[in-house]
Amino acid sequence: MTYSFPNTDENELDLKYKFGDDITYKIAFQNTPLIAYDYIDLDKTDYCFHQKCFSNFDAKKYFAKLKEISSKKIDQLLDDYKGHFHIYNKVPRNLLRLFEKVFGGDDSTFLKPEIIPPFGQIALYTNPNGSDKGKGIKSPRIYFILGKFGVFHILFYDPYHEINPGK
C-alpha cells in the first residue's frame, strides 16, 4: 500500500541530514529527538558498535538511555543532563578526525566549517573511578550528529571515553 500526503513535496518530508548539507537548517530544540541509524559505524573504526566489549549490560543501558532522552525536548536535555549530554560548540578534534576517516573520502573540502554538522555526546553511564581500558572499566559515550528538526544520527560507541575524555 502506498501513502501520499496532499500538498507536499517528497523532499520536504526528508528530515535526515545529508553530508554537505548547509548547516543553517532548523534545529527544533523544543522538539523531542528522533533517532536515525543511517551513519552508524558498525565495523569501520575502533569505535564501532560491533566491539566485543559492547556487552548485554551496555545494550540495555543504551536502549534505556535512548528511551529516556526520546521523551524529553532537546532544550530540556541540555538543561537537565549537565555533563552527560552535550551538543558541542566546538567539535573535538579527535571526533572530527574519526568522522572524516569514516565518511570523508578523498575530498579535502569535506569538513569545511560551513558544512560541519552539530555533533553531540550521550553518556550511557559513568564509572565513579573513571575508565581503564586495560582493566575493562568503562564509562561509555555515544556520539551523534544533530540533524534537521532534532534527528540524532547515531555514529560511534566509545566504551572507555577516549574520543573526548574531558578534563
N, C-alpha and C. Protein backbone atom coordinates (compact mmCIF):
# COMPACT_ATOMS: atom_id res chain seq x y z
N MET A 1 0.84 -1.16 0.00
CA MET A 1 0.00 0.00 0.00
C MET A 1 0.89 1.24 0.00
N THR A 2 0.53 2.25 -0.76
CA THR A 2 1.29 3.47 -0.84
C THR A 2 0.49 4.61 -0.22
N TYR A 3 1.18 5.41 0.57
CA TYR A 3 0.54 6.56 1.18
C TYR A 3 1.04 7.81 0.49
N SER A 4 0.19 8.76 0.32
CA SER A 4 0.62 10.05 -0.22
C SER A 4 0.09 11.14 0.70
N PHE A 5 0.84 12.21 0.74
CA PHE A 5 0.47 13.34 1.57
C PHE A 5 0.06 14.47 0.65
N PRO A 6 -1.14 14.94 0.77
CA PRO A 6 -1.60 16.00 -0.12
C PRO A 6 -0.82 17.29 0.09
N ASN A 7 -0.59 17.99 -1.00
CA ASN A 7 0.05 19.31 -0.98
C ASN A 7 1.45 19.30 -0.37
N THR A 8 2.19 18.20 -0.51
CA THR A 8 3.56 18.18 -0.03
C THR A 8 4.46 17.65 -1.13
N ASP A 9 5.68 18.08 -1.09
CA ASP A 9 6.72 17.58 -1.98
C ASP A 9 7.48 16.53 -1.18
N GLU A 10 7.82 15.40 -1.79
CA GLU A 10 8.51 14.33 -1.05
C GLU A 10 9.78 14.83 -0.37
N ASN A 11 10.51 15.76 -0.98
CA ASN A 11 11.75 16.26 -0.39
C ASN A 11 11.49 17.02 0.90
N GLU A 12 10.33 17.60 1.04
CA GLU A 12 10.01 18.31 2.27
C GLU A 12 9.89 17.36 3.45
N LEU A 13 9.64 16.08 3.19
CA LEU A 13 9.45 15.12 4.26
C LEU A 13 10.76 14.49 4.72
N ASP A 14 11.86 14.73 4.00
CA ASP A 14 13.14 14.12 4.35
C ASP A 14 13.80 14.94 5.46
N LEU A 15 13.76 14.41 6.66
CA LEU A 15 14.31 15.13 7.81
C LEU A 15 15.77 14.78 8.07
N LYS A 16 16.32 13.88 7.30
CA LYS A 16 17.66 13.39 7.60
C LYS A 16 18.75 14.29 7.03
N TYR A 17 19.82 14.39 7.79
CA TYR A 17 20.99 15.14 7.38
C TYR A 17 21.69 14.38 6.26
N LYS A 18 22.14 15.10 5.26
CA LYS A 18 22.95 14.56 4.17
C LYS A 18 24.29 15.26 4.23
N PHE A 19 25.38 14.52 4.05
CA PHE A 19 26.71 15.11 4.08
C PHE A 19 26.79 16.22 3.04
N GLY A 20 27.30 17.36 3.48
CA GLY A 20 27.40 18.51 2.60
C GLY A 20 26.23 19.45 2.71
N ASP A 21 25.18 19.07 3.46
CA ASP A 21 24.06 19.99 3.67
C ASP A 21 24.56 21.28 4.28
N ASP A 22 23.94 22.34 3.89
CA ASP A 22 24.18 23.62 4.56
C ASP A 22 23.68 23.46 5.99
N ILE A 23 24.48 23.82 6.96
CA ILE A 23 24.11 23.57 8.36
C ILE A 23 23.23 24.66 8.95
N THR A 24 22.69 25.50 8.12
CA THR A 24 21.78 26.51 8.63
C THR A 24 20.36 25.97 8.75
N TYR A 25 20.21 24.64 8.62
CA TYR A 25 18.89 24.06 8.74
C TYR A 25 18.33 24.28 10.15
N LYS A 26 17.05 24.17 10.25
CA LYS A 26 16.38 24.42 11.52
C LYS A 26 16.59 23.24 12.47
N ILE A 27 17.08 23.53 13.65
CA ILE A 27 17.16 22.54 14.71
C ILE A 27 16.07 22.91 15.71
N ALA A 28 15.15 22.00 15.89
CA ALA A 28 14.00 22.29 16.74
C ALA A 28 14.30 21.85 18.18
N PHE A 29 14.88 22.74 18.95
CA PHE A 29 15.26 22.41 20.32
C PHE A 29 14.04 22.20 21.21
N GLN A 30 12.88 22.64 20.77
CA GLN A 30 11.68 22.45 21.56
C GLN A 30 10.97 21.14 21.20
N ASN A 31 11.57 20.33 20.31
CA ASN A 31 11.02 19.03 19.95
C ASN A 31 11.77 17.91 20.66
N THR A 32 11.13 16.76 20.74
CA THR A 32 11.82 15.58 21.23
C THR A 32 12.65 15.00 20.09
N PRO A 33 13.78 14.37 20.41
CA PRO A 33 14.64 13.85 19.34
C PRO A 33 14.04 12.62 18.66
N LEU A 34 14.41 12.48 17.41
CA LEU A 34 14.15 11.26 16.65
C LEU A 34 15.51 10.60 16.46
N ILE A 35 15.56 9.27 16.43
CA ILE A 35 16.83 8.55 16.33
C ILE A 35 16.93 7.92 14.94
N ALA A 36 18.08 8.12 14.29
CA ALA A 36 18.34 7.54 12.97
C ALA A 36 19.67 6.81 12.99
N TYR A 37 19.76 5.76 12.20
CA TYR A 37 20.95 4.91 12.19
C TYR A 37 21.62 4.85 10.82
N ASP A 38 21.36 5.80 9.95
CA ASP A 38 21.93 5.80 8.60
C ASP A 38 23.45 5.79 8.61
N TYR A 39 24.06 6.46 9.57
CA TYR A 39 25.51 6.66 9.58
C TYR A 39 26.21 5.91 10.70
N ILE A 40 25.54 5.00 11.36
CA ILE A 40 26.14 4.27 12.47
C ILE A 40 27.37 3.49 11.99
N ASP A 41 28.41 3.53 12.78
CA ASP A 41 29.64 2.80 12.48
C ASP A 41 29.51 1.40 13.07
N LEU A 42 29.37 0.41 12.19
CA LEU A 42 29.26 -0.97 12.64
C LEU A 42 30.57 -1.73 12.58
N ASP A 43 31.53 -1.23 11.76
CA ASP A 43 32.75 -2.01 11.62
C ASP A 43 33.95 -1.25 11.05
N LYS A 44 33.89 0.06 10.95
CA LYS A 44 34.95 0.81 10.28
C LYS A 44 36.06 1.33 11.20
N THR A 45 35.76 1.52 12.46
CA THR A 45 36.75 2.11 13.37
C THR A 45 36.81 1.31 14.68
N ASP A 46 37.73 1.74 15.54
CA ASP A 46 37.80 1.17 16.89
C ASP A 46 36.62 1.58 17.74
N TYR A 47 35.79 2.48 17.25
CA TYR A 47 34.64 2.99 18.00
C TYR A 47 33.32 2.58 17.34
N CYS A 48 33.34 1.44 16.69
CA CYS A 48 32.12 0.92 16.05
C CYS A 48 31.26 0.23 17.11
N PHE A 49 30.04 -0.09 16.74
CA PHE A 49 29.14 -0.78 17.66
C PHE A 49 29.36 -2.29 17.68
N HIS A 50 30.18 -2.82 16.80
CA HIS A 50 30.46 -4.26 16.80
C HIS A 50 31.76 -4.55 17.55
N GLN A 51 31.90 -3.98 18.73
CA GLN A 51 33.05 -4.26 19.57
C GLN A 51 32.69 -5.39 20.53
N LYS A 52 33.67 -6.21 20.86
CA LYS A 52 33.42 -7.31 21.79
C LYS A 52 32.99 -6.78 23.16
N CYS A 53 33.45 -5.59 23.51
CA CYS A 53 33.13 -5.05 24.83
C CYS A 53 31.73 -4.41 24.89
N PHE A 54 31.02 -4.36 23.76
CA PHE A 54 29.63 -3.87 23.79
C PHE A 54 28.78 -5.02 24.34
N SER A 55 28.62 -4.99 25.63
CA SER A 55 28.02 -6.11 26.36
C SER A 55 26.49 -6.02 26.37
N ASN A 56 25.89 -7.07 26.88
CA ASN A 56 24.45 -7.09 27.08
C ASN A 56 24.05 -5.96 28.04
N PHE A 57 24.85 -5.74 29.08
CA PHE A 57 24.61 -4.65 30.02
C PHE A 57 24.61 -3.31 29.29
N ASP A 58 25.61 -3.09 28.42
CA ASP A 58 25.69 -1.84 27.66
C ASP A 58 24.50 -1.68 26.72
N ALA A 59 24.08 -2.76 26.09
CA ALA A 59 22.93 -2.70 25.19
C ALA A 59 21.67 -2.28 25.95
N LYS A 60 21.49 -2.85 27.13
CA LYS A 60 20.33 -2.49 27.95
C LYS A 60 20.41 -1.03 28.37
N LYS A 61 21.60 -0.57 28.77
CA LYS A 61 21.79 0.85 29.14
C LYS A 61 21.52 1.76 27.94
N TYR A 62 22.00 1.32 26.77
CA TYR A 62 21.83 2.11 25.55
C TYR A 62 20.34 2.33 25.25
N PHE A 63 19.58 1.26 25.22
CA PHE A 63 18.16 1.41 24.88
C PHE A 63 17.38 2.12 25.98
N ALA A 64 17.74 1.91 27.23
CA ALA A 64 17.09 2.65 28.32
C ALA A 64 17.38 4.15 28.20
N LYS A 65 18.63 4.49 27.87
CA LYS A 65 19.01 5.90 27.72
C LYS A 65 18.29 6.53 26.54
N LEU A 66 18.23 5.81 25.40
CA LEU A 66 17.51 6.36 24.24
C LEU A 66 16.03 6.55 24.54
N LYS A 67 15.45 5.61 25.24
CA LYS A 67 14.04 5.77 25.62
C LYS A 67 13.86 7.01 26.49
N GLU A 68 14.76 7.17 27.43
CA GLU A 68 14.70 8.32 28.35
C GLU A 68 14.86 9.65 27.60
N ILE A 69 15.87 9.75 26.75
CA ILE A 69 16.09 11.03 26.07
C ILE A 69 15.04 11.29 24.99
N SER A 70 14.46 10.23 24.45
CA SER A 70 13.44 10.41 23.42
C SER A 70 12.14 11.00 23.97
N SER A 71 12.00 10.98 25.28
CA SER A 71 10.79 11.52 25.90
C SER A 71 10.96 12.97 26.36
N LYS A 72 12.15 13.53 26.16
CA LYS A 72 12.42 14.90 26.59
C LYS A 72 12.70 15.79 25.40
N LYS A 73 12.40 17.05 25.53
CA LYS A 73 12.74 18.01 24.49
C LYS A 73 14.25 18.26 24.52
N ILE A 74 14.80 18.58 23.36
CA ILE A 74 16.25 18.74 23.26
C ILE A 74 16.75 19.84 24.19
N ASP A 75 16.04 20.97 24.27
CA ASP A 75 16.49 22.03 25.17
C ASP A 75 16.43 21.59 26.63
N GLN A 76 15.49 20.72 26.96
CA GLN A 76 15.40 20.16 28.31
C GLN A 76 16.58 19.23 28.58
N LEU A 77 16.97 18.43 27.59
CA LEU A 77 18.15 17.56 27.73
C LEU A 77 19.40 18.38 28.02
N LEU A 78 19.54 19.48 27.32
CA LEU A 78 20.71 20.34 27.52
C LEU A 78 20.75 20.92 28.92
N ASP A 79 19.58 21.23 29.48
CA ASP A 79 19.50 21.79 30.83
C ASP A 79 19.63 20.72 31.92
N ASP A 80 19.01 19.56 31.72
CA ASP A 80 18.90 18.54 32.76
C ASP A 80 20.12 17.63 32.90
N TYR A 81 20.85 17.45 31.83
CA TYR A 81 21.91 16.44 31.83
C TYR A 81 23.28 17.07 31.80
N LYS A 82 23.51 18.04 32.61
CA LYS A 82 24.80 18.72 32.64
C LYS A 82 25.94 17.70 32.76
N GLY A 83 26.81 17.71 31.76
CA GLY A 83 27.94 16.80 31.77
C GLY A 83 27.67 15.44 31.16
N HIS A 84 26.42 15.08 30.95
CA HIS A 84 26.13 13.75 30.43
C HIS A 84 25.41 13.78 29.09
N PHE A 85 25.14 14.97 28.60
CA PHE A 85 24.57 15.16 27.28
C PHE A 85 25.14 16.48 26.75
N HIS A 86 25.82 16.41 25.62
CA HIS A 86 26.44 17.61 25.05
C HIS A 86 26.04 17.77 23.60
N ILE A 87 25.89 18.99 23.20
CA ILE A 87 25.96 19.35 21.79
C ILE A 87 27.11 20.34 21.74
N TYR A 88 28.15 19.99 21.00
CA TYR A 88 29.40 20.73 21.04
C TYR A 88 29.31 22.07 20.31
N ASN A 89 29.81 23.12 20.97
CA ASN A 89 30.02 24.40 20.30
C ASN A 89 31.22 24.30 19.37
N LYS A 90 32.24 23.63 19.86
CA LYS A 90 33.44 23.36 19.07
C LYS A 90 33.65 21.85 19.09
N VAL A 91 33.61 21.24 17.92
CA VAL A 91 33.71 19.78 17.82
C VAL A 91 35.13 19.34 18.19
N PRO A 92 35.26 18.37 19.10
CA PRO A 92 36.59 17.88 19.46
C PRO A 92 37.34 17.35 18.23
N ARG A 93 38.61 17.68 18.16
CA ARG A 93 39.45 17.32 17.01
C ARG A 93 39.44 15.81 16.76
N ASN A 94 39.53 14.99 17.83
CA ASN A 94 39.52 13.53 17.67
C ASN A 94 38.23 13.05 17.01
N LEU A 95 37.12 13.66 17.37
CA LEU A 95 35.83 13.29 16.79
C LEU A 95 35.77 13.68 15.31
N LEU A 96 36.27 14.86 14.98
CA LEU A 96 36.29 15.28 13.57
C LEU A 96 37.17 14.35 12.73
N ARG A 97 38.33 13.98 13.26
CA ARG A 97 39.23 13.07 12.53
C ARG A 97 38.57 11.71 12.29
N LEU A 98 37.92 11.21 13.31
CA LEU A 98 37.23 9.93 13.20
C LEU A 98 36.09 10.02 12.17
N PHE A 99 35.34 11.07 12.24
CA PHE A 99 34.23 11.30 11.31
C PHE A 99 34.75 11.38 9.87
N GLU A 100 35.84 12.12 9.69
CA GLU A 100 36.41 12.27 8.35
C GLU A 100 36.95 10.92 7.84
N LYS A 101 37.57 10.15 8.73
CA LYS A 101 38.10 8.85 8.34
C LYS A 101 37.00 7.94 7.80
N VAL A 102 35.85 7.96 8.44
CA VAL A 102 34.76 7.09 8.05
C VAL A 102 33.98 7.63 6.85
N PHE A 103 33.75 8.94 6.82
CA PHE A 103 32.82 9.49 5.85
C PHE A 103 33.44 10.46 4.84
N GLY A 104 34.71 10.82 5.03
CA GLY A 104 35.29 11.88 4.23
C GLY A 104 35.76 11.55 2.84
N GLY A 105 36.22 10.35 2.63
CA GLY A 105 36.74 10.01 1.31
C GLY A 105 37.95 10.84 0.97
N ASP A 106 38.10 11.16 -0.32
CA ASP A 106 39.27 11.89 -0.80
C ASP A 106 39.04 13.39 -0.92
N ASP A 107 37.89 13.86 -0.55
CA ASP A 107 37.55 15.27 -0.72
C ASP A 107 38.15 16.08 0.43
N SER A 108 39.15 16.90 0.12
CA SER A 108 39.82 17.69 1.17
C SER A 108 38.94 18.81 1.70
N THR A 109 37.84 19.10 1.02
CA THR A 109 36.93 20.15 1.49
C THR A 109 35.77 19.56 2.29
N PHE A 110 35.83 18.28 2.61
CA PHE A 110 34.73 17.60 3.29
C PHE A 110 34.33 18.29 4.59
N LEU A 111 35.30 18.73 5.36
CA LEU A 111 35.00 19.32 6.66
C LEU A 111 35.14 20.84 6.67
N LYS A 112 34.66 21.46 5.61
CA LYS A 112 34.63 22.92 5.59
C LYS A 112 33.73 23.39 6.74
N PRO A 113 34.11 24.45 7.42
CA PRO A 113 33.32 24.90 8.58
C PRO A 113 31.84 25.11 8.29
N GLU A 114 31.51 25.57 7.11
CA GLU A 114 30.09 25.85 6.83
C GLU A 114 29.25 24.60 6.61
N ILE A 115 29.89 23.43 6.54
CA ILE A 115 29.09 22.21 6.37
C ILE A 115 29.34 21.18 7.48
N ILE A 116 30.08 21.54 8.52
CA ILE A 116 30.26 20.63 9.64
C ILE A 116 28.98 20.66 10.47
N PRO A 117 28.32 19.51 10.58
CA PRO A 117 27.05 19.49 11.33
C PRO A 117 27.31 19.58 12.83
N PRO A 118 26.30 19.90 13.60
CA PRO A 118 26.45 19.85 15.06
C PRO A 118 26.63 18.40 15.51
N PHE A 119 27.60 18.18 16.39
CA PHE A 119 27.85 16.86 16.95
C PHE A 119 27.44 16.88 18.42
N GLY A 120 27.08 15.71 18.91
CA GLY A 120 26.72 15.60 20.31
C GLY A 120 27.24 14.31 20.92
N GLN A 121 27.12 14.23 22.24
CA GLN A 121 27.58 13.08 23.01
C GLN A 121 26.53 12.75 24.06
N ILE A 122 26.29 11.47 24.23
CA ILE A 122 25.40 10.98 25.28
C ILE A 122 26.23 10.04 26.15
N ALA A 123 26.17 10.24 27.45
CA ALA A 123 26.83 9.31 28.38
C ALA A 123 25.86 8.20 28.71
N LEU A 124 26.25 6.95 28.46
CA LEU A 124 25.39 5.83 28.86
C LEU A 124 25.42 5.67 30.37
N TYR A 125 26.63 5.69 30.92
CA TYR A 125 26.83 5.68 32.36
C TYR A 125 28.27 6.10 32.60
N THR A 126 28.56 6.52 33.81
CA THR A 126 29.90 6.96 34.15
C THR A 126 30.38 6.20 35.38
N ASN A 127 31.49 5.54 35.25
CA ASN A 127 32.08 4.84 36.38
C ASN A 127 32.70 5.88 37.31
N PRO A 128 32.39 5.85 38.58
CA PRO A 128 32.92 6.86 39.50
C PRO A 128 34.45 6.83 39.62
N ASN A 129 35.06 5.70 39.27
CA ASN A 129 36.52 5.58 39.33
C ASN A 129 37.18 5.88 37.99
N GLY A 130 36.41 6.40 37.04
CA GLY A 130 36.95 6.68 35.72
C GLY A 130 36.95 5.45 34.84
N SER A 131 37.62 5.55 33.72
CA SER A 131 37.71 4.45 32.75
C SER A 131 39.12 3.89 32.73
N ASP A 132 39.21 2.60 32.45
CA ASP A 132 40.51 1.97 32.30
C ASP A 132 40.35 0.83 31.30
N LYS A 133 40.83 1.06 30.10
CA LYS A 133 40.69 0.06 29.04
C LYS A 133 41.39 -1.25 29.42
N GLY A 134 42.56 -1.15 30.01
CA GLY A 134 43.33 -2.34 30.40
C GLY A 134 42.59 -3.20 31.41
N LYS A 135 41.83 -2.57 32.30
CA LYS A 135 41.09 -3.30 33.32
C LYS A 135 39.63 -3.54 32.93
N GLY A 136 39.23 -3.01 31.76
CA GLY A 136 37.86 -3.20 31.30
C GLY A 136 36.84 -2.36 32.04
N ILE A 137 37.30 -1.26 32.65
CA ILE A 137 36.38 -0.36 33.38
C ILE A 137 35.88 0.69 32.39
N LYS A 138 34.58 0.69 32.16
CA LYS A 138 34.01 1.53 31.11
C LYS A 138 33.21 2.71 31.67
N SER A 139 33.16 3.74 30.87
CA SER A 139 32.28 4.90 31.02
C SER A 139 31.83 5.28 29.61
N PRO A 140 30.96 4.49 29.00
CA PRO A 140 30.66 4.61 27.57
C PRO A 140 29.96 5.90 27.18
N ARG A 141 30.36 6.38 26.00
CA ARG A 141 29.75 7.55 25.38
C ARG A 141 29.28 7.15 23.98
N ILE A 142 28.19 7.76 23.58
CA ILE A 142 27.64 7.60 22.24
C ILE A 142 27.76 8.95 21.56
N TYR A 143 28.27 8.97 20.34
CA TYR A 143 28.40 10.21 19.58
C TYR A 143 27.40 10.21 18.44
N PHE A 144 26.90 11.40 18.13
CA PHE A 144 25.88 11.54 17.11
C PHE A 144 26.01 12.88 16.40
N ILE A 145 25.36 12.96 15.24
CA ILE A 145 25.17 14.22 14.53
C ILE A 145 23.77 14.69 14.86
N LEU A 146 23.62 15.97 15.14
CA LEU A 146 22.30 16.54 15.33
C LEU A 146 21.83 17.06 13.98
N GLY A 147 20.86 16.39 13.42
CA GLY A 147 20.36 16.73 12.09
C GLY A 147 19.17 17.66 12.14
N LYS A 148 18.57 17.79 10.98
CA LYS A 148 17.41 18.67 10.81
C LYS A 148 16.31 18.31 11.79
N PHE A 149 15.68 19.31 12.35
CA PHE A 149 14.50 19.17 13.19
C PHE A 149 14.70 18.23 14.38
N GLY A 150 15.94 18.04 14.81
CA GLY A 150 16.19 17.25 16.02
C GLY A 150 16.39 15.77 15.79
N VAL A 151 16.83 15.37 14.59
CA VAL A 151 17.14 13.96 14.34
C VAL A 151 18.55 13.69 14.84
N PHE A 152 18.70 12.68 15.71
CA PHE A 152 20.01 12.25 16.19
C PHE A 152 20.48 11.11 15.30
N HIS A 153 21.54 11.36 14.54
CA HIS A 153 22.14 10.33 13.70
C HIS A 153 23.26 9.68 14.50
N ILE A 154 23.01 8.49 15.02
CA ILE A 154 23.97 7.80 15.87
C ILE A 154 25.20 7.41 15.04
N LEU A 155 26.39 7.66 15.60
CA LEU A 155 27.65 7.41 14.88
C LEU A 155 28.52 6.36 15.55
N PHE A 156 29.02 6.66 16.76
CA PHE A 156 30.09 5.88 17.37
C PHE A 156 29.76 5.47 18.81
N TYR A 157 30.37 4.36 19.22
CA TYR A 157 30.31 3.86 20.59
C TYR A 157 31.73 3.93 21.15
N ASP A 158 31.92 4.73 22.17
CA ASP A 158 33.23 4.96 22.79
C ASP A 158 33.19 4.40 24.21
N PRO A 159 33.53 3.12 24.39
CA PRO A 159 33.35 2.48 25.68
C PRO A 159 34.21 3.04 26.81
N TYR A 160 35.39 3.54 26.46
CA TYR A 160 36.32 3.98 27.51
C TYR A 160 36.49 5.51 27.53
N HIS A 161 35.56 6.21 26.92
CA HIS A 161 35.55 7.68 26.95
C HIS A 161 36.87 8.25 26.47
N GLU A 162 37.34 7.74 25.31
CA GLU A 162 38.64 8.14 24.76
C GLU A 162 38.55 9.25 23.71
N ILE A 163 37.44 9.32 22.99
CA ILE A 163 37.35 10.29 21.89
C ILE A 163 37.45 11.71 22.42
N ASN A 164 36.72 12.00 23.47
CA ASN A 164 36.78 13.31 24.10
C ASN A 164 36.75 13.10 25.62
N PRO A 165 37.90 12.74 26.21
CA PRO A 165 37.93 12.32 27.60
C PRO A 165 37.63 13.40 28.64
N GLY A 166 37.58 14.62 28.26
CA GLY A 166 37.30 15.66 29.25
C GLY A 166 38.56 16.06 30.01
N LYS A 167 38.34 16.75 31.09
CA LYS A 167 39.46 17.29 31.86
C LYS A 167 39.86 16.36 32.98
